Protein backbone atom coordinates (compact mmCIF):
# COMPACT_ATOMS: atom_id res chain seq x y z
CA UNK A 1 0.00 0.00 0.00
CA UNK A 2 1.40 3.37 -0.99
CA UNK A 3 -0.20 5.47 1.78
CA UNK A 4 0.67 4.03 5.16
CA UNK A 5 0.01 5.57 8.57
CA UNK A 6 3.62 6.65 8.80
CA UNK A 7 3.60 8.43 5.43
CA UNK A 8 0.35 10.17 6.28
CA UNK A 9 1.65 11.24 9.70
CA UNK A 10 4.84 12.56 8.11
CA UNK A 11 2.87 14.62 5.56
CA UNK A 12 0.69 16.18 8.25
CA UNK A 13 3.66 16.78 10.53
CA UNK A 14 5.52 18.61 7.77
CA UNK A 15 2.61 20.64 6.37
CA UNK A 16 -0.12 20.61 9.01
CA UNK A 17 1.93 21.52 12.06
CA UNK A 18 1.47 18.24 13.93
CA UNK A 19 0.58 14.64 13.19
CA UNK A 20 -2.86 14.98 14.76
CA UNK A 21 -3.79 18.18 12.89
CA UNK A 22 -5.38 16.40 9.94
CA UNK A 23 -7.90 19.16 9.26
CA UNK A 24 -5.43 21.85 8.26
CA UNK A 25 -5.82 23.11 4.72
CA UNK A 26 -2.11 22.87 3.99
CA UNK A 27 -1.95 19.28 5.23
CA UNK A 28 -4.94 18.22 3.16
CA UNK A 29 -3.50 19.84 0.03
CA UNK A 30 -0.18 18.05 0.61
CA UNK A 31 -1.99 14.73 1.10
CA UNK A 32 -4.05 15.23 -2.06
CA UNK A 33 -0.87 16.09 -3.96
CA UNK A 34 0.76 12.86 -2.77
CA UNK A 35 -2.28 10.85 -3.89
CA UNK A 36 -2.46 12.69 -7.24
CA UNK A 37 1.20 11.93 -7.95
CA UNK A 38 0.62 8.26 -7.16
CA UNK A 39 -2.45 8.03 -9.42
CA UNK A 40 -0.64 9.86 -12.22
CA UNK A 41 2.18 7.30 -12.12
CA UNK A 42 -0.41 4.50 -12.14
CA UNK A 43 -2.14 5.95 -15.18
CA UNK A 44 1.14 6.24 -17.08
CA UNK A 45 1.40 2.44 -16.88
CA UNK A 46 -2.34 1.66 -17.19
CA UNK A 47 -3.71 4.19 -19.64
CA UNK A 48 -7.05 2.40 -20.08
CA UNK A 49 -7.95 2.50 -16.38
CA UNK A 50 -10.84 4.95 -16.72
CA UNK A 51 -12.12 4.57 -13.15
CA UNK A 52 -8.79 5.74 -11.78
CA UNK A 53 -8.76 8.55 -14.30
CA UNK A 54 -12.17 9.70 -13.10
CA UNK A 55 -11.12 9.61 -9.45
CA UNK A 56 -7.94 11.52 -10.33
CA UNK A 57 -9.97 14.30 -11.94
CA UNK A 58 -12.22 14.48 -8.86
CA UNK A 59 -9.18 14.64 -6.57
CA UNK A 60 -7.62 17.42 -8.61
CA UNK A 61 -10.89 19.35 -8.32
CA UNK A 62 -10.93 18.95 -4.54
CA UNK A 63 -7.34 20.13 -4.31
CA UNK A 64 -8.12 23.10 -6.55
CA UNK A 65 -11.01 24.09 -4.27
CA UNK A 66 -8.78 23.94 -1.20
CA UNK A 67 -6.07 25.93 -3.00
CA UNK A 68 -8.61 28.61 -3.93
CA UNK A 69 -9.75 28.78 -0.31
CA UNK A 70 -6.16 29.09 0.92
CA UNK A 71 -5.46 31.77 -1.66
CA UNK A 72 -8.37 33.86 -0.37
CA UNK A 73 -7.45 33.23 3.27
CA UNK A 74 -3.66 33.68 3.22
CA UNK A 75 -1.84 34.44 -0.03
CA UNK A 76 1.66 33.98 1.45
CA UNK A 77 0.94 30.43 2.68
CA UNK A 78 -0.60 29.70 -0.73
CA UNK A 79 2.51 30.84 -2.59
CA UNK A 80 4.93 28.98 -0.32
CA UNK A 81 2.87 25.76 -0.47
CA UNK A 82 2.64 25.86 -4.28
CA UNK A 83 6.38 26.38 -4.52
CA UNK A 84 7.14 23.61 -2.01
CA UNK A 85 4.84 21.03 -3.62
CA UNK A 86 5.71 21.99 -7.23
CA UNK A 87 2.09 22.65 -8.20
CA UNK A 88 1.53 24.60 -11.37
CA UNK A 89 -0.48 27.84 -11.31
PDB file of N, CA and C in Angstrom:
ATOM      1  N   UNK A   1       0.841  -1.176   0.000  1.00  0.00           N
ATOM      2  CA  UNK A   1       0.000   0.000   0.000  1.00  0.00           C
ATOM      3  C   UNK A   1       0.891   1.245   0.000  1.00  0.00           C
ATOM      4  N   UNK A   2       0.545   2.210  -0.809  1.00  0.00           N
ATOM      5  CA  UNK A   2       1.398   3.370  -0.992  1.00  0.00           C
ATOM      6  C   UNK A   2       1.224   4.425   0.094  1.00  0.00           C
ATOM      7  N   UNK A   3       0.072   4.445   0.778  1.00  0.00           N
ATOM      8  CA  UNK A   3      -0.199   5.472   1.782  1.00  0.00           C
ATOM      9  C   UNK A   3      -0.386   4.827   3.146  1.00  0.00           C
ATOM     10  N   UNK A   4       0.717   4.649   3.839  1.00  0.00           N
ATOM     11  CA  UNK A   4       0.669   4.026   5.162  1.00  0.00           C
ATOM     12  C   UNK A   4       0.434   5.101   6.225  1.00  0.00           C
ATOM     13  N   UNK A   5       0.210   4.645   7.455  1.00  0.00           N
ATOM     14  CA  UNK A   5       0.012   5.574   8.573  1.00  0.00           C
ATOM     15  C   UNK A   5       1.228   6.479   8.754  1.00  0.00           C
ATOM     16  N   UNK A   6       2.399   5.897   8.583  1.00  0.00           N
ATOM     17  CA  UNK A   6       3.625   6.650   8.800  1.00  0.00           C
ATOM     18  C   UNK A   6       3.789   7.755   7.759  1.00  0.00           C
ATOM     19  N   UNK A   7       3.490   7.436   6.499  1.00  0.00           N
ATOM     20  CA  UNK A   7       3.603   8.427   5.428  1.00  0.00           C
ATOM     21  C   UNK A   7       2.603   9.554   5.660  1.00  0.00           C
ATOM     22  N   UNK A   8       1.385   9.183   6.027  1.00  0.00           N
ATOM     23  CA  UNK A   8       0.346  10.172   6.281  1.00  0.00           C
ATOM     24  C   UNK A   8       0.729  11.073   7.464  1.00  0.00           C
ATOM     25  N   UNK A   9       1.239  10.469   8.520  1.00  0.00           N
ATOM     26  CA  UNK A   9       1.654  11.236   9.697  1.00  0.00           C
ATOM     27  C   UNK A   9       2.794  12.188   9.349  1.00  0.00           C
ATOM     28  N   UNK A  10       3.715  11.719   8.518  1.00  0.00           N
ATOM     29  CA  UNK A  10       4.845  12.562   8.106  1.00  0.00           C
ATOM     30  C   UNK A  10       4.366  13.757   7.286  1.00  0.00           C
ATOM     31  N   UNK A  11       3.406  13.531   6.381  1.00  0.00           N
ATOM     32  CA  UNK A  11       2.868  14.616   5.555  1.00  0.00           C
ATOM     33  C   UNK A  11       2.210  15.666   6.438  1.00  0.00           C
ATOM     34  N   UNK A  12       1.379  15.227   7.389  1.00  0.00           N
ATOM     35  CA  UNK A  12       0.690  16.179   8.247  1.00  0.00           C
ATOM     36  C   UNK A  12       1.640  16.863   9.225  1.00  0.00           C
ATOM     37  N   UNK A  13       2.682  16.166   9.635  1.00  0.00           N
ATOM     38  CA  UNK A  13       3.664  16.776  10.532  1.00  0.00           C
ATOM     39  C   UNK A  13       4.422  17.883   9.810  1.00  0.00           C
ATOM     40  N   UNK A  14       4.751  17.635   8.545  1.00  0.00           N
ATOM     41  CA  UNK A  14       5.516  18.608   7.765  1.00  0.00           C
ATOM     42  C   UNK A  14       4.669  19.803   7.356  1.00  0.00           C
ATOM     43  N   UNK A  15       3.432  19.567   6.932  1.00  0.00           N
ATOM     44  CA  UNK A  15       2.613  20.639   6.372  1.00  0.00           C
ATOM     45  C   UNK A  15       1.484  21.104   7.290  1.00  0.00           C
ATOM     46  N   UNK A  16       1.020  20.257   8.189  1.00  0.00           N
ATOM     47  CA  UNK A  16      -0.122  20.612   9.014  1.00  0.00           C
ATOM     48  C   UNK A  16       0.247  21.112  10.390  1.00  0.00           C
ATOM     49  N   UNK A  17       1.498  21.070  10.744  1.00  0.00           N
ATOM     50  CA  UNK A  17       1.928  21.524  12.061  1.00  0.00           C
ATOM     51  C   UNK A  17       2.184  20.381  13.018  1.00  0.00           C
ATOM     52  N   UNK A  18       1.277  19.416  13.087  1.00  0.00           N
ATOM     53  CA  UNK A  18       1.472  18.242  13.934  1.00  0.00           C
ATOM     54  C   UNK A  18       0.806  17.040  13.284  1.00  0.00           C
ATOM     55  N   UNK A  19       1.123  15.862  13.778  1.00  0.00           N
ATOM     56  CA  UNK A  19       0.579  14.639  13.194  1.00  0.00           C
ATOM     57  C   UNK A  19      -0.924  14.545  13.380  1.00  0.00           C
ATOM     58  N   UNK A  20      -1.426  15.111  14.475  1.00  0.00           N
ATOM     59  CA  UNK A  20      -2.857  14.983  14.764  1.00  0.00           C
ATOM     60  C   UNK A  20      -3.691  16.084  14.126  1.00  0.00           C
ATOM     61  N   UNK A  21      -3.058  17.082  13.520  1.00  0.00           N
ATOM     62  CA  UNK A  21      -3.789  18.184  12.891  1.00  0.00           C
ATOM     63  C   UNK A  21      -4.129  17.822  11.447  1.00  0.00           C
ATOM     64  N   UNK A  22      -5.052  16.896  11.281  1.00  0.00           N
ATOM     65  CA  UNK A  22      -5.382  16.397   9.945  1.00  0.00           C
ATOM     66  C   UNK A  22      -6.388  17.277   9.227  1.00  0.00           C
ATOM     67  N   UNK A  23      -6.908  18.294   9.880  1.00  0.00           N
ATOM     68  CA  UNK A  23      -7.901  19.157   9.262  1.00  0.00           C
ATOM     69  C   UNK A  23      -7.326  20.409   8.651  1.00  0.00           C
ATOM     70  N   UNK A  24      -6.026  20.622   8.792  1.00  0.00           N
ATOM     71  CA  UNK A  24      -5.434  21.846   8.255  1.00  0.00           C
ATOM     72  C   UNK A  24      -5.480  21.832   6.731  1.00  0.00           C
ATOM     73  N   UNK A  25      -5.715  22.990   6.174  1.00  0.00           N
ATOM     74  CA  UNK A  25      -5.819  23.112   4.718  1.00  0.00           C
ATOM     75  C   UNK A  25      -4.516  22.713   4.043  1.00  0.00           C
ATOM     76  N   UNK A  26      -3.401  23.170   4.591  1.00  0.00           N
ATOM     77  CA  UNK A  26      -2.105  22.865   3.987  1.00  0.00           C
ATOM     78  C   UNK A  26      -1.814  21.372   4.023  1.00  0.00           C
ATOM     79  N   UNK A  27      -2.155  20.715   5.120  1.00  0.00           N
ATOM     80  CA  UNK A  27      -1.947  19.277   5.232  1.00  0.00           C
ATOM     81  C   UNK A  27      -2.799  18.490   4.259  1.00  0.00           C
ATOM     82  N   UNK A  28      -4.054  18.905   4.099  1.00  0.00           N
ATOM     83  CA  UNK A  28      -4.935  18.216   3.162  1.00  0.00           C
ATOM     84  C   UNK A  28      -4.468  18.398   1.727  1.00  0.00           C
ATOM     85  N   UNK A  29      -4.016  19.593   1.385  1.00  0.00           N
ATOM     86  CA  UNK A  29      -3.501  19.838   0.030  1.00  0.00           C
ATOM     87  C   UNK A  29      -2.265  18.975  -0.227  1.00  0.00           C
ATOM     88  N   UNK A  30      -1.382  18.875   0.760  1.00  0.00           N
ATOM     89  CA  UNK A  30      -0.181  18.048   0.608  1.00  0.00           C
ATOM     90  C   UNK A  30      -0.551  16.576   0.451  1.00  0.00           C
ATOM     91  N   UNK A  31      -1.540  16.115   1.213  1.00  0.00           N
ATOM     92  CA  UNK A  31      -1.990  14.727   1.099  1.00  0.00           C
ATOM     93  C   UNK A  31      -2.601  14.462  -0.275  1.00  0.00           C
ATOM     94  N   UNK A  32      -3.455  15.378  -0.735  1.00  0.00           N
ATOM     95  CA  UNK A  32      -4.050  15.228  -2.065  1.00  0.00           C
ATOM     96  C   UNK A  32      -2.971  15.216  -3.141  1.00  0.00           C
ATOM     97  N   UNK A  33      -1.957  16.044  -2.988  1.00  0.00           N
ATOM     98  CA  UNK A  33      -0.866  16.085  -3.964  1.00  0.00           C
ATOM     99  C   UNK A  33      -0.124  14.761  -4.001  1.00  0.00           C
ATOM    100  N   UNK A  34       0.101  14.177  -2.834  1.00  0.00           N
ATOM    101  CA  UNK A  34       0.763  12.858  -2.774  1.00  0.00           C
ATOM    102  C   UNK A  34      -0.088  11.810  -3.495  1.00  0.00           C
ATOM    103  N   UNK A  35      -1.391  11.814  -3.240  1.00  0.00           N
ATOM    104  CA  UNK A  35      -2.280  10.853  -3.885  1.00  0.00           C
ATOM    105  C   UNK A  35      -2.366  11.093  -5.388  1.00  0.00           C
ATOM    106  N   UNK A  36      -2.400  12.361  -5.812  1.00  0.00           N
ATOM    107  CA  UNK A  36      -2.462  12.693  -7.238  1.00  0.00           C
ATOM    108  C   UNK A  36      -1.206  12.206  -7.948  1.00  0.00           C
ATOM    109  N   UNK A  37      -0.052  12.401  -7.342  1.00  0.00           N
ATOM    110  CA  UNK A  37       1.200  11.934  -7.955  1.00  0.00           C
ATOM    111  C   UNK A  37       1.202  10.414  -8.103  1.00  0.00           C
ATOM    112  N   UNK A  38       0.689   9.721  -7.089  1.00  0.00           N
ATOM    113  CA  UNK A  38       0.622   8.258  -7.161  1.00  0.00           C
ATOM    114  C   UNK A  38      -0.319   7.803  -8.284  1.00  0.00           C
ATOM    115  N   UNK A  39      -1.490   8.414  -8.375  1.00  0.00           N
ATOM    116  CA  UNK A  39      -2.451   8.034  -9.419  1.00  0.00           C
ATOM    117  C   UNK A  39      -1.936   8.384 -10.815  1.00  0.00           C
ATOM    118  N   UNK A  40      -1.210   9.474 -10.925  1.00  0.00           N
ATOM    119  CA  UNK A  40      -0.643   9.858 -12.219  1.00  0.00           C
ATOM    120  C   UNK A  40       0.373   8.818 -12.687  1.00  0.00           C
ATOM    121  N   UNK A  41       1.217   8.351 -11.774  1.00  0.00           N
ATOM    122  CA  UNK A  41       2.181   7.299 -12.119  1.00  0.00           C
ATOM    123  C   UNK A  41       1.460   6.014 -12.524  1.00  0.00           C
ATOM    124  N   UNK A  42       0.380   5.696 -11.814  1.00  0.00           N
ATOM    125  CA  UNK A  42      -0.406   4.499 -12.136  1.00  0.00           C
ATOM    126  C   UNK A  42      -0.999   4.606 -13.538  1.00  0.00           C
ATOM    127  N   UNK A  43      -1.510   5.782 -13.868  1.00  0.00           N
ATOM    128  CA  UNK A  43      -2.145   5.955 -15.181  1.00  0.00           C
ATOM    129  C   UNK A  43      -1.136   5.979 -16.322  1.00  0.00           C
ATOM    130  N   UNK A  44       0.117   6.300 -16.036  1.00  0.00           N
ATOM    131  CA  UNK A  44       1.144   6.235 -17.078  1.00  0.00           C
ATOM    132  C   UNK A  44       1.369   4.793 -17.512  1.00  0.00           C
ATOM    133  N   UNK A  45       1.209   3.862 -16.570  1.00  0.00           N
ATOM    134  CA  UNK A  45       1.395   2.440 -16.876  1.00  0.00           C
ATOM    135  C   UNK A  45       0.105   1.798 -17.383  1.00  0.00           C
ATOM    136  N   UNK A  46      -1.042   2.261 -16.872  1.00  0.00           N
ATOM    137  CA  UNK A  46      -2.343   1.662 -17.195  1.00  0.00           C
ATOM    138  C   UNK A  46      -3.256   2.721 -17.793  1.00  0.00           C
ATOM    139  N   UNK A  47      -3.003   3.068 -19.040  1.00  0.00           N
ATOM    140  CA  UNK A  47      -3.708   4.194 -19.640  1.00  0.00           C
ATOM    141  C   UNK A  47      -5.190   3.931 -19.921  1.00  0.00           C
ATOM    142  N   UNK A  48      -5.640   2.705 -19.846  1.00  0.00           N
ATOM    143  CA  UNK A  48      -7.054   2.401 -20.083  1.00  0.00           C
ATOM    144  C   UNK A  48      -7.863   2.264 -18.793  1.00  0.00           C
ATOM    145  N   UNK A  49      -7.272   2.592 -17.672  1.00  0.00           N
ATOM    146  CA  UNK A  49      -7.953   2.503 -16.381  1.00  0.00           C
ATOM    147  C   UNK A  49      -8.794   3.769 -16.184  1.00  0.00           C
ATOM    148  N   UNK A  50     -10.007   3.753 -16.690  1.00  0.00           N
ATOM    149  CA  UNK A  50     -10.842   4.948 -16.717  1.00  0.00           C
ATOM    150  C   UNK A  50     -11.427   5.279 -15.345  1.00  0.00           C
ATOM    151  N   UNK A  51     -11.621   4.284 -14.494  1.00  0.00           N
ATOM    152  CA  UNK A  51     -12.123   4.568 -13.147  1.00  0.00           C
ATOM    153  C   UNK A  51     -11.097   5.357 -12.345  1.00  0.00           C
ATOM    154  N   UNK A  52      -9.851   4.994 -12.470  1.00  0.00           N
ATOM    155  CA  UNK A  52      -8.794   5.736 -11.781  1.00  0.00           C
ATOM    156  C   UNK A  52      -8.664   7.132 -12.360  1.00  0.00           C
ATOM    157  N   UNK A  53      -8.832   7.242 -13.664  1.00  0.00           N
ATOM    158  CA  UNK A  53      -8.761   8.551 -14.302  1.00  0.00           C
ATOM    159  C   UNK A  53      -9.863   9.472 -13.778  1.00  0.00           C
ATOM    160  N   UNK A  54     -11.039   8.918 -13.602  1.00  0.00           N
ATOM    161  CA  UNK A  54     -12.168   9.699 -13.100  1.00  0.00           C
ATOM    162  C   UNK A  54     -11.925  10.141 -11.656  1.00  0.00           C
ATOM    163  N   UNK A  55     -11.399   9.244 -10.830  1.00  0.00           N
ATOM    164  CA  UNK A  55     -11.119   9.609  -9.446  1.00  0.00           C
ATOM    165  C   UNK A  55      -9.973  10.624  -9.366  1.00  0.00           C
ATOM    166  N   UNK A  56      -9.031  10.548 -10.289  1.00  0.00           N
ATOM    167  CA  UNK A  56      -7.943  11.518 -10.326  1.00  0.00           C
ATOM    168  C   UNK A  56      -8.477  12.910 -10.626  1.00  0.00           C
ATOM    169  N   UNK A  57      -9.385  13.008 -11.586  1.00  0.00           N
ATOM    170  CA  UNK A  57      -9.973  14.305 -11.935  1.00  0.00           C
ATOM    171  C   UNK A  57     -10.752  14.876 -10.747  1.00  0.00           C
ATOM    172  N   UNK A  58     -11.472  14.028 -10.039  1.00  0.00           N
ATOM    173  CA  UNK A  58     -12.219  14.475  -8.860  1.00  0.00           C
ATOM    174  C   UNK A  58     -11.262  14.966  -7.768  1.00  0.00           C
ATOM    175  N   UNK A  59     -10.160  14.266  -7.577  1.00  0.00           N
ATOM    176  CA  UNK A  59      -9.184  14.640  -6.567  1.00  0.00           C
ATOM    177  C   UNK A  59      -8.503  15.965  -6.908  1.00  0.00           C
ATOM    178  N   UNK A  60      -8.216  16.162  -8.182  1.00  0.00           N
ATOM    179  CA  UNK A  60      -7.617  17.424  -8.612  1.00  0.00           C
ATOM    180  C   UNK A  60      -8.595  18.573  -8.361  1.00  0.00           C
ATOM    181  N   UNK A  61      -9.880  18.328  -8.585  1.00  0.00           N
ATOM    182  CA  UNK A  61     -10.890  19.346  -8.319  1.00  0.00           C
ATOM    183  C   UNK A  61     -10.983  19.702  -6.844  1.00  0.00           C
ATOM    184  N   UNK A  62     -10.912  18.697  -5.980  1.00  0.00           N
ATOM    185  CA  UNK A  62     -10.934  18.946  -4.535  1.00  0.00           C
ATOM    186  C   UNK A  62      -9.717  19.769  -4.115  1.00  0.00           C
ATOM    187  N   UNK A  63      -8.558  19.390  -4.656  1.00  0.00           N
ATOM    188  CA  UNK A  63      -7.342  20.127  -4.313  1.00  0.00           C
ATOM    189  C   UNK A  63      -7.419  21.564  -4.804  1.00  0.00           C
ATOM    190  N   UNK A  64      -7.969  21.747  -5.994  1.00  0.00           N
ATOM    191  CA  UNK A  64      -8.117  23.096  -6.551  1.00  0.00           C
ATOM    192  C   UNK A  64      -9.010  23.958  -5.663  1.00  0.00           C
ATOM    193  N   UNK A  65     -10.104  23.356  -5.155  1.00  0.00           N
ATOM    194  CA  UNK A  65     -11.006  24.090  -4.270  1.00  0.00           C
ATOM    195  C   UNK A  65     -10.295  24.513  -2.990  1.00  0.00           C
ATOM    196  N   UNK A  66      -9.521  23.602  -2.418  1.00  0.00           N
ATOM    197  CA  UNK A  66      -8.775  23.936  -1.203  1.00  0.00           C
ATOM    198  C   UNK A  66      -7.710  25.001  -1.481  1.00  0.00           C
ATOM    199  N   UNK A  67      -7.074  24.920  -2.647  1.00  0.00           N
ATOM    200  CA  UNK A  67      -6.072  25.926  -2.997  1.00  0.00           C
ATOM    201  C   UNK A  67      -6.716  27.302  -3.173  1.00  0.00           C
ATOM    202  N   UNK A  68      -7.901  27.342  -3.780  1.00  0.00           N
ATOM    203  CA  UNK A  68      -8.613  28.610  -3.934  1.00  0.00           C
ATOM    204  C   UNK A  68      -8.977  29.200  -2.578  1.00  0.00           C
ATOM    205  N   UNK A  69      -9.420  28.339  -1.662  1.00  0.00           N
ATOM    206  CA  UNK A  69      -9.750  28.779  -0.310  1.00  0.00           C
ATOM    207  C   UNK A  69      -8.515  29.346   0.385  1.00  0.00           C
ATOM    208  N   UNK A  70      -7.397  28.641   0.288  1.00  0.00           N
ATOM    209  CA  UNK A  70      -6.164  29.086   0.925  1.00  0.00           C
ATOM    210  C   UNK A  70      -5.678  30.399   0.312  1.00  0.00           C
ATOM    211  N   UNK A  71      -5.869  30.546  -0.983  1.00  0.00           N
ATOM    212  CA  UNK A  71      -5.458  31.773  -1.663  1.00  0.00           C
ATOM    213  C   UNK A  71      -6.247  32.971  -1.139  1.00  0.00           C
ATOM    214  N   UNK A  72      -7.547  32.781  -0.916  1.00  0.00           N
ATOM    215  CA  UNK A  72      -8.367  33.863  -0.374  1.00  0.00           C
ATOM    216  C   UNK A  72      -8.009  34.159   1.089  1.00  0.00           C
ATOM    217  N   UNK A  73      -7.690  33.102   1.834  1.00  0.00           N
ATOM    218  CA  UNK A  73      -7.451  33.227   3.265  1.00  0.00           C
ATOM    219  C   UNK A  73      -6.072  33.811   3.563  1.00  0.00           C
ATOM    220  N   UNK A  74      -5.030  33.257   2.932  1.00  0.00           N
ATOM    221  CA  UNK A  74      -3.657  33.682   3.220  1.00  0.00           C
ATOM    222  C   UNK A  74      -2.790  33.465   1.983  1.00  0.00           C
ATOM    223  N   UNK A  75      -2.541  34.538   1.245  1.00  0.00           N
ATOM    224  CA  UNK A  75      -1.838  34.445  -0.033  1.00  0.00           C
ATOM    225  C   UNK A  75      -0.383  33.994   0.137  1.00  0.00           C
ATOM    226  N   UNK A  76       0.261  34.361   1.246  1.00  0.00           N
ATOM    227  CA  UNK A  76       1.659  33.979   1.451  1.00  0.00           C
ATOM    228  C   UNK A  76       1.803  32.470   1.679  1.00  0.00           C
ATOM    229  N   UNK A  77       0.911  31.883   2.475  1.00  0.00           N
ATOM    230  CA  UNK A  77       0.938  30.429   2.682  1.00  0.00           C
ATOM    231  C   UNK A  77       0.669  29.712   1.364  1.00  0.00           C
ATOM    232  N   UNK A  78      -0.263  30.265   0.574  1.00  0.00           N
ATOM    233  CA  UNK A  78      -0.600  29.698  -0.730  1.00  0.00           C
ATOM    234  C   UNK A  78       0.634  29.654  -1.628  1.00  0.00           C
ATOM    235  N   UNK A  79       1.328  30.766  -1.720  1.00  0.00           N
ATOM    236  CA  UNK A  79       2.515  30.844  -2.587  1.00  0.00           C
ATOM    237  C   UNK A  79       3.625  29.913  -2.123  1.00  0.00           C
ATOM    238  N   UNK A  80       3.853  29.850  -0.820  1.00  0.00           N
ATOM    239  CA  UNK A  80       4.926  28.979  -0.319  1.00  0.00           C
ATOM    240  C   UNK A  80       4.571  27.503  -0.504  1.00  0.00           C
ATOM    241  N   UNK A  81       3.294  27.157  -0.311  1.00  0.00           N
ATOM    242  CA  UNK A  81       2.867  25.764  -0.472  1.00  0.00           C
ATOM    243  C   UNK A  81       2.963  25.322  -1.931  1.00  0.00           C
ATOM    244  N   UNK A  82       2.557  26.188  -2.841  1.00  0.00           N
ATOM    245  CA  UNK A  82       2.641  25.857  -4.275  1.00  0.00           C
ATOM    246  C   UNK A  82       4.095  25.648  -4.690  1.00  0.00           C
ATOM    247  N   UNK A  83       4.967  26.501  -4.183  1.00  0.00           N
ATOM    248  CA  UNK A  83       6.383  26.376  -4.515  1.00  0.00           C
ATOM    249  C   UNK A  83       6.983  25.102  -3.932  1.00  0.00           C
ATOM    250  N   UNK A  84       6.602  24.788  -2.701  1.00  0.00           N
ATOM    251  CA  UNK A  84       7.145  23.613  -2.011  1.00  0.00           C
ATOM    252  C   UNK A  84       6.678  22.311  -2.639  1.00  0.00           C
ATOM    253  N   UNK A  85       5.397  22.257  -3.067  1.00  0.00           N
ATOM    254  CA  UNK A  85       4.841  21.027  -3.621  1.00  0.00           C
ATOM    255  C   UNK A  85       4.969  20.924  -5.140  1.00  0.00           C
ATOM    256  N   UNK A  86       5.543  21.962  -5.765  1.00  0.00           N
ATOM    257  CA  UNK A  86       5.705  21.992  -7.227  1.00  0.00           C
ATOM    258  C   UNK A  86       4.377  21.843  -7.947  1.00  0.00           C
ATOM    259  N   UNK A  87       3.398  22.637  -7.538  1.00  0.00           N
ATOM    260  CA  UNK A  87       2.090  22.651  -8.196  1.00  0.00           C
ATOM    261  C   UNK A  87       2.089  23.803  -9.183  1.00  0.00           C
ATOM    262  N   UNK A  88       1.619  23.544 -10.380  1.00  0.00           N
ATOM    263  CA  UNK A  88       1.528  24.599 -11.372  1.00  0.00           C
ATOM    264  C   UNK A  88       0.391  25.545 -11.017  1.00  0.00           C
ATOM    265  N   UNK A  89       0.511  26.766 -11.452  1.00  0.00           N
ATOM    266  CA  UNK A  89      -0.478  27.836 -11.307  1.00  0.00           C
ATOM    267  C   UNK A  89      -0.245  28.675 -10.128  1.00  0.00           C
TER     268      UNK A  89
END
